[in-house]
Amino acid sequence: MPIFLDTGDTQEIARFMRMGLVRGVTTNPTILAKSGIKGGIAAIKKRAIEIAGLVCPYPVSVELIHNDPSQMIDQAREFSQWGTNINVKVPIHGPHGELDNLEVIHTLEAKYGIPINVTAMMSAQQGFLAALAGATFVSLFGGRINNMGYNCTDEIQKLRRLLNEHELKARIIVGSTREILNVIEWLSAGAHIVTVTPALLEGMLVHPYSKETVQMFLKDAESI
């Protein structure tokens, strides 16, 4: 399942699902806000259920909006009831480096059987720890890693090797995709999944020389 769509726009999701290209959807509060979602948890729930229905049985990631551990567990349990293909996104740690999140992740996976997508990670070491805690998905922010002056492909390769060597179930998602070339580059490096915006996915598909060639074929067909 190599490509997840990074959007809250149901029309875009439906369009690419009809093409058979999408194997999942990832969202977060920033993505949903850009899609015009307003109205708090009720609005998030409505859109998450819509998306889950569109892509079922493929997974949909919905991110927690609390940072208090007890509230995170309660909210994750609530989110997981919205659809059989919902998984819950939990950041690797709190906004000031608080360490409670890994305990929350382990509890949700081990005690409640809720698939967790651990997000906001910038290194293989973070991904490895999240996988040890039991995460189903471990999300590296590839574009941000590259912006810091590191090569994301190195982190992907190290993390994939660790997951394989230690027989951990986690699957690597690489997001924060900035360029079309990142998609094949990161999948080739060992990512199980790369998230793309609708614009990037369209850019992967449409090539100027392909357009030129099709135009030539149609023009020549008219002359026959």
Protein backbone atom coordinates (compact mmCIF):
# COMPACT_ATOMS: atom_id res chain seq x y z
CA MET A 1 0.00 0.00 0.00
CA PRO A 2 2.54 2.55 -1.16
CA ILE A 3 0.58 5.80 -1.55
CA PHE A 4 -1.62 7.53 1.02
CA LEU A 5 -3.40 10.77 0.17
CA ASP A 6 -2.69 13.65 2.54
CA THR A 7 -5.95 15.59 2.51
CA GLY A 8 -9.34 16.11 4.09
CA ASP A 9 -11.00 16.92 0.75
CA THR A 10 -13.53 14.17 0.02
CA GLN A 11 -13.89 15.15 -3.64
CA GLU A 12 -10.17 14.72 -4.23
CA ILE A 13 -10.16 11.43 -2.34
CA ALA A 14 -13.07 10.11 -4.42
CA ARG A 15 -11.40 11.22 -7.66
CA PHE A 16 -8.17 9.32 -6.99
CA MET A 17 -10.00 6.32 -5.54
CA ARG A 18 -11.80 5.99 -8.89
CA MET A 19 -8.35 5.75 -10.51
CA GLY A 20 -7.32 2.99 -8.10
CA LEU A 21 -4.27 4.90 -6.88
CA VAL A 22 -4.97 5.51 -3.19
CA ARG A 23 -4.31 2.94 -0.45
CA GLY A 24 -5.13 5.13 2.54
CA VAL A 25 -5.65 8.69 3.76
CA THR A 26 -3.83 10.68 6.42
CA THR A 27 -5.24 13.75 8.13
CA ASN A 28 -4.24 16.07 10.94
CA PRO A 29 -5.75 19.27 12.37
CA THR A 30 -3.75 21.42 9.94
CA ILE A 31 -4.94 19.44 6.91
CA LEU A 32 -8.56 19.51 8.07
CA ALA A 33 -8.41 23.25 8.73
CA LYS A 34 -7.11 23.80 5.19
CA SER A 35 -10.06 21.78 3.92
CA GLY A 36 -12.43 24.20 5.63
CA ILE A 37 -13.44 21.96 8.53
CA LYS A 38 -14.91 23.90 11.45
CA GLY A 39 -17.04 22.92 14.42
CA GLY A 40 -14.73 21.01 16.74
CA ILE A 41 -14.87 17.28 17.39
CA ALA A 42 -18.30 16.94 15.80
CA ALA A 43 -16.99 18.30 12.51
CA ILE A 44 -13.85 16.14 12.68
CA LYS A 45 -15.99 13.07 13.35
CA LYS A 46 -18.31 13.80 10.43
CA ARG A 47 -15.45 14.23 7.97
CA ALA A 48 -13.48 11.24 9.31
CA ILE A 49 -16.52 8.97 8.88
CA GLU A 50 -17.05 10.28 5.35
CA ILE A 51 -13.42 9.61 4.42
CA ALA A 52 -13.42 6.17 6.08
CA GLY A 53 -16.47 5.22 4.03
CA LEU A 54 -14.85 6.42 0.80
CA VAL A 55 -11.62 4.45 1.19
CA CYS A 56 -12.75 1.37 3.16
CA PRO A 57 -11.07 -1.06 3.76
CA TYR A 58 -7.96 1.11 3.44
CA PRO A 59 -6.76 2.93 6.59
CA VAL A 60 -7.56 6.51 7.59
CA SER A 61 -5.42 8.35 10.14
CA VAL A 62 -7.10 10.84 12.49
CA GLU A 63 -4.95 12.81 14.93
CA LEU A 64 -5.66 13.42 18.61
CA ILE A 65 -6.20 17.01 19.66
CA HIS A 66 -5.35 16.61 23.36
CA ASN A 67 -1.99 16.34 25.10
CA ASP A 68 -3.13 15.15 28.53
CA PRO A 69 -2.49 11.37 28.72
CA SER A 70 -5.87 10.37 30.17
CA GLN A 71 -7.73 12.53 27.68
CA MET A 72 -5.62 11.14 24.85
CA ILE A 73 -6.60 7.58 25.74
CA ASP A 74 -10.29 8.46 26.02
CA GLN A 75 -10.24 10.37 22.75
CA ALA A 76 -8.35 7.62 20.90
CA ARG A 77 -10.93 5.08 22.05
CA GLU A 78 -13.68 7.39 20.81
CA PHE A 79 -12.01 7.95 17.41
CA SER A 80 -11.48 4.22 16.90
CA GLN A 81 -15.24 3.69 17.04
CA TRP A 82 -15.84 5.91 14.02
CA GLY A 83 -14.87 3.20 11.54
CA THR A 84 -13.22 -0.19 11.32
CA ASN A 85 -10.44 1.32 9.21
CA ILE A 86 -9.68 4.29 11.49
CA ASN A 87 -6.23 4.49 13.05
CA VAL A 88 -5.25 7.15 15.55
CA LYS A 89 -2.32 9.53 15.12
CA VAL A 90 -0.29 10.29 18.25
CA PRO A 91 2.81 12.55 18.20
CA ILE A 92 6.05 10.95 19.36
CA HIS A 93 6.19 13.29 22.38
CA GLY A 94 4.50 16.36 23.83
CA PRO A 95 5.00 19.94 22.63
CA HIS A 96 7.74 20.53 25.19
CA GLY A 97 9.35 17.08 24.99
CA GLU A 98 7.05 15.42 27.53
CA LEU A 99 7.54 11.63 27.48
CA ASP A 100 3.99 10.47 28.29
CA ASN A 101 3.04 9.82 24.68
CA LEU A 102 4.95 6.55 24.31
CA GLU A 103 3.14 5.13 27.33
CA VAL A 104 -0.15 6.23 25.78
CA ILE A 105 0.83 4.60 22.47
CA HIS A 106 1.77 1.33 24.17
CA THR A 107 -1.45 1.28 26.20
CA LEU A 108 -3.65 1.92 23.18
CA GLU A 109 -1.97 -0.79 21.11
CA ALA A 110 -1.42 -3.43 23.81
CA LYS A 111 -4.49 -2.97 26.01
CA TYR A 112 -7.13 -1.66 23.61
CA GLY A 113 -5.92 -3.03 20.27
CA ILE A 114 -6.20 0.38 18.60
CA PRO A 115 -3.84 0.81 15.62
CA ILE A 116 -1.63 3.84 16.22
CA ASN A 117 0.20 6.00 13.70
CA VAL A 118 3.03 7.70 15.59
CA THR A 119 3.69 11.03 13.93
CA ALA A 120 5.94 14.12 13.93
CA MET A 121 9.14 12.06 13.89
CA MET A 122 12.40 13.36 12.43
CA SER A 123 14.82 10.46 12.93
CA ALA A 124 15.23 6.70 12.68
CA GLN A 125 15.86 6.50 16.43
CA GLN A 126 12.46 8.03 17.17
CA GLY A 127 10.80 5.64 14.72
CA PHE A 128 12.55 2.66 16.28
CA LEU A 129 11.36 3.58 19.79
CA ALA A 130 7.80 4.08 18.53
CA ALA A 131 7.93 0.66 16.88
CA LEU A 132 9.19 -0.94 20.11
CA ALA A 133 6.22 0.66 21.91
CA GLY A 134 3.96 -1.27 19.54
CA ALA A 135 3.01 1.29 16.88
CA THR A 136 1.31 0.04 13.73
CA PHE A 137 2.67 2.94 11.66
CA VAL A 138 5.71 5.15 12.26
CA SER A 139 5.65 8.46 10.38
CA LEU A 140 8.81 10.31 9.44
CA PHE A 141 8.49 13.88 8.18
CA GLY A 142 10.76 13.55 5.18
CA GLY A 143 10.55 17.09 3.85
CA ARG A 144 11.34 18.58 7.24
CA ILE A 145 14.26 16.21 7.73
CA ASN A 146 15.71 17.34 4.40
CA ASN A 147 15.12 20.98 5.35
CA MET A 148 17.27 20.45 8.46
CA GLY A 149 20.19 19.48 6.23
CA TYR A 150 19.91 15.70 6.60
CA ASN A 151 19.05 13.22 3.86
CA CYS A 152 15.76 11.54 4.69
CA THR A 153 16.66 8.47 2.64
CA ASP A 154 19.40 7.65 5.16
CA GLU A 155 16.90 7.70 8.03
CA ILE A 156 14.43 5.55 6.07
CA GLN A 157 17.09 2.96 5.25
CA LYS A 158 18.29 2.76 8.87
CA LEU A 159 14.76 2.47 10.23
CA ARG A 160 13.67 -0.17 7.71
CA ARG A 161 16.75 -2.24 8.55
CA LEU A 162 16.01 -2.03 12.28
CA LEU A 163 12.36 -3.01 11.81
CA ASN A 164 13.38 -6.02 9.75
CA GLU A 165 16.20 -7.13 12.05
CA HIS A 166 14.04 -6.94 15.17
CA GLU A 167 10.89 -8.29 13.48
CA LEU A 168 8.77 -5.31 14.47
CA LYS A 169 5.32 -4.94 12.92
CA ALA A 170 5.45 -1.18 12.32
CA ARG A 171 5.20 0.13 8.76
CA ILE A 172 7.11 3.25 7.75
CA ILE A 173 5.09 6.19 6.47
CA VAL A 174 7.07 9.12 5.09
CA GLY A 175 5.18 12.39 4.87
CA SER A 176 5.87 16.10 4.53
CA THR A 177 6.49 15.32 0.86
CA ARG A 178 7.67 18.44 -0.95
CA GLU A 179 8.73 17.24 -4.40
CA ILE A 180 7.46 14.66 -6.86
CA LEU A 181 10.86 12.94 -6.96
CA ASN A 182 10.58 12.26 -3.19
CA VAL A 183 7.87 9.63 -3.70
CA ILE A 184 9.85 7.06 -5.70
CA GLU A 185 13.08 8.01 -3.92
CA TRP A 186 11.62 7.30 -0.49
CA LEU A 187 9.78 4.13 -1.51
CA SER A 188 13.02 2.86 -3.07
CA ALA A 189 14.86 3.65 0.18
CA GLY A 190 12.55 1.35 2.14
CA ALA A 191 9.44 3.34 3.09
CA HIS A 192 6.33 1.19 3.06
CA ILE A 193 4.13 4.22 2.35
CA VAL A 194 4.61 7.80 1.18
CA THR A 195 1.90 10.40 1.71
CA VAL A 196 1.17 12.85 -1.08
CA THR A 197 -1.11 15.82 -1.59
CA PRO A 198 -3.57 15.67 -4.50
CA ALA A 199 -1.40 18.18 -6.41
CA LEU A 200 1.72 16.02 -6.04
CA LEU A 201 -0.14 12.88 -7.11
CA GLU A 202 -1.42 14.65 -10.21
CA GLY A 203 2.12 15.86 -10.89
CA MET A 204 3.38 12.27 -10.77
CA LEU A 205 0.86 11.30 -13.40
CA VAL A 206 1.03 14.13 -15.94
CA HIS A 207 4.26 14.50 -17.95
CA PRO A 208 4.78 17.21 -20.60
CA TYR A 209 6.28 14.74 -23.10
CA SER A 210 3.35 12.37 -22.55
CA LYS A 211 1.00 15.24 -23.32
CA GLU A 212 2.99 16.11 -26.44
CA THR A 213 2.96 12.48 -27.60
CA VAL A 214 -0.80 12.07 -27.10
CA GLN A 215 -1.43 15.31 -28.97
CA MET A 216 0.71 14.01 -31.86
CA PHE A 217 -1.20 10.71 -31.94
CA LEU A 218 -4.55 12.50 -32.07
CA LYS A 219 -3.38 14.92 -34.74
CA ASP A 220 -2.03 12.11 -36.91
CA ALA A 221 -5.23 10.13 -36.41
CA GLU A 222 -7.18 13.01 -37.93
CA SER A 223 -4.98 12.96 -41.01
CA ILE A 224 -5.56 9.29 -41.76
